[in-house]
Amino acid sequence: MTKAQKELIAEQKKTALDVLRGLLPASSYVNIVYVGGTPAVSRFRVLQSDPVRTDGIVDLTWFVARALDMKTAKDGSLRVGGHGLNRAYTIVYGLGRALYPNGSPCTGEDCASNDHNNGDQDYTVGKIHSDGGYAFRMRLI
């Protein structure tokens, strides 16, 4: 890979992370759509509601692929190895870790952080949870 290619990839990743940060606040639902695959590799799309668009849906798959350094199929869907729902979970957890590498902020009573399932009953808004991977909720469509 040339230096120019590496720079392009780094710039695309930075742009993708910036866009995703603007669209996905902590505790958002990340909508995962299964679009096919084989027993070893599945293909998914990541969609989000967008009140500005007429159809109400925006496809975030390209941004997620760049942010997480994931491979895409010819149709643009994410290619994810693994088994069952773990493949979709891999996308959502990885997205949380990428957007909140130093931990995610608590959003109060509706907070999605795993810390609350492990005994932490402090729902103070803005408190930083230790693992950003649990910043989002997953919805399979």
Foldseek 3Di string as FASTA:
>chain_A
DDPVVVVVLVVLLVVLLVVCCVVDAFAAEWEKEWDADDQFKTWIWTWDADPVDPVRIDTSLSSLCSNQVFDADPVSTTIFGDHDCVRVLCSQLSSQCSNCVQFHFQCFPSGQDCVVVVPPPDRPGGDGDRGSSRRYHYDYD
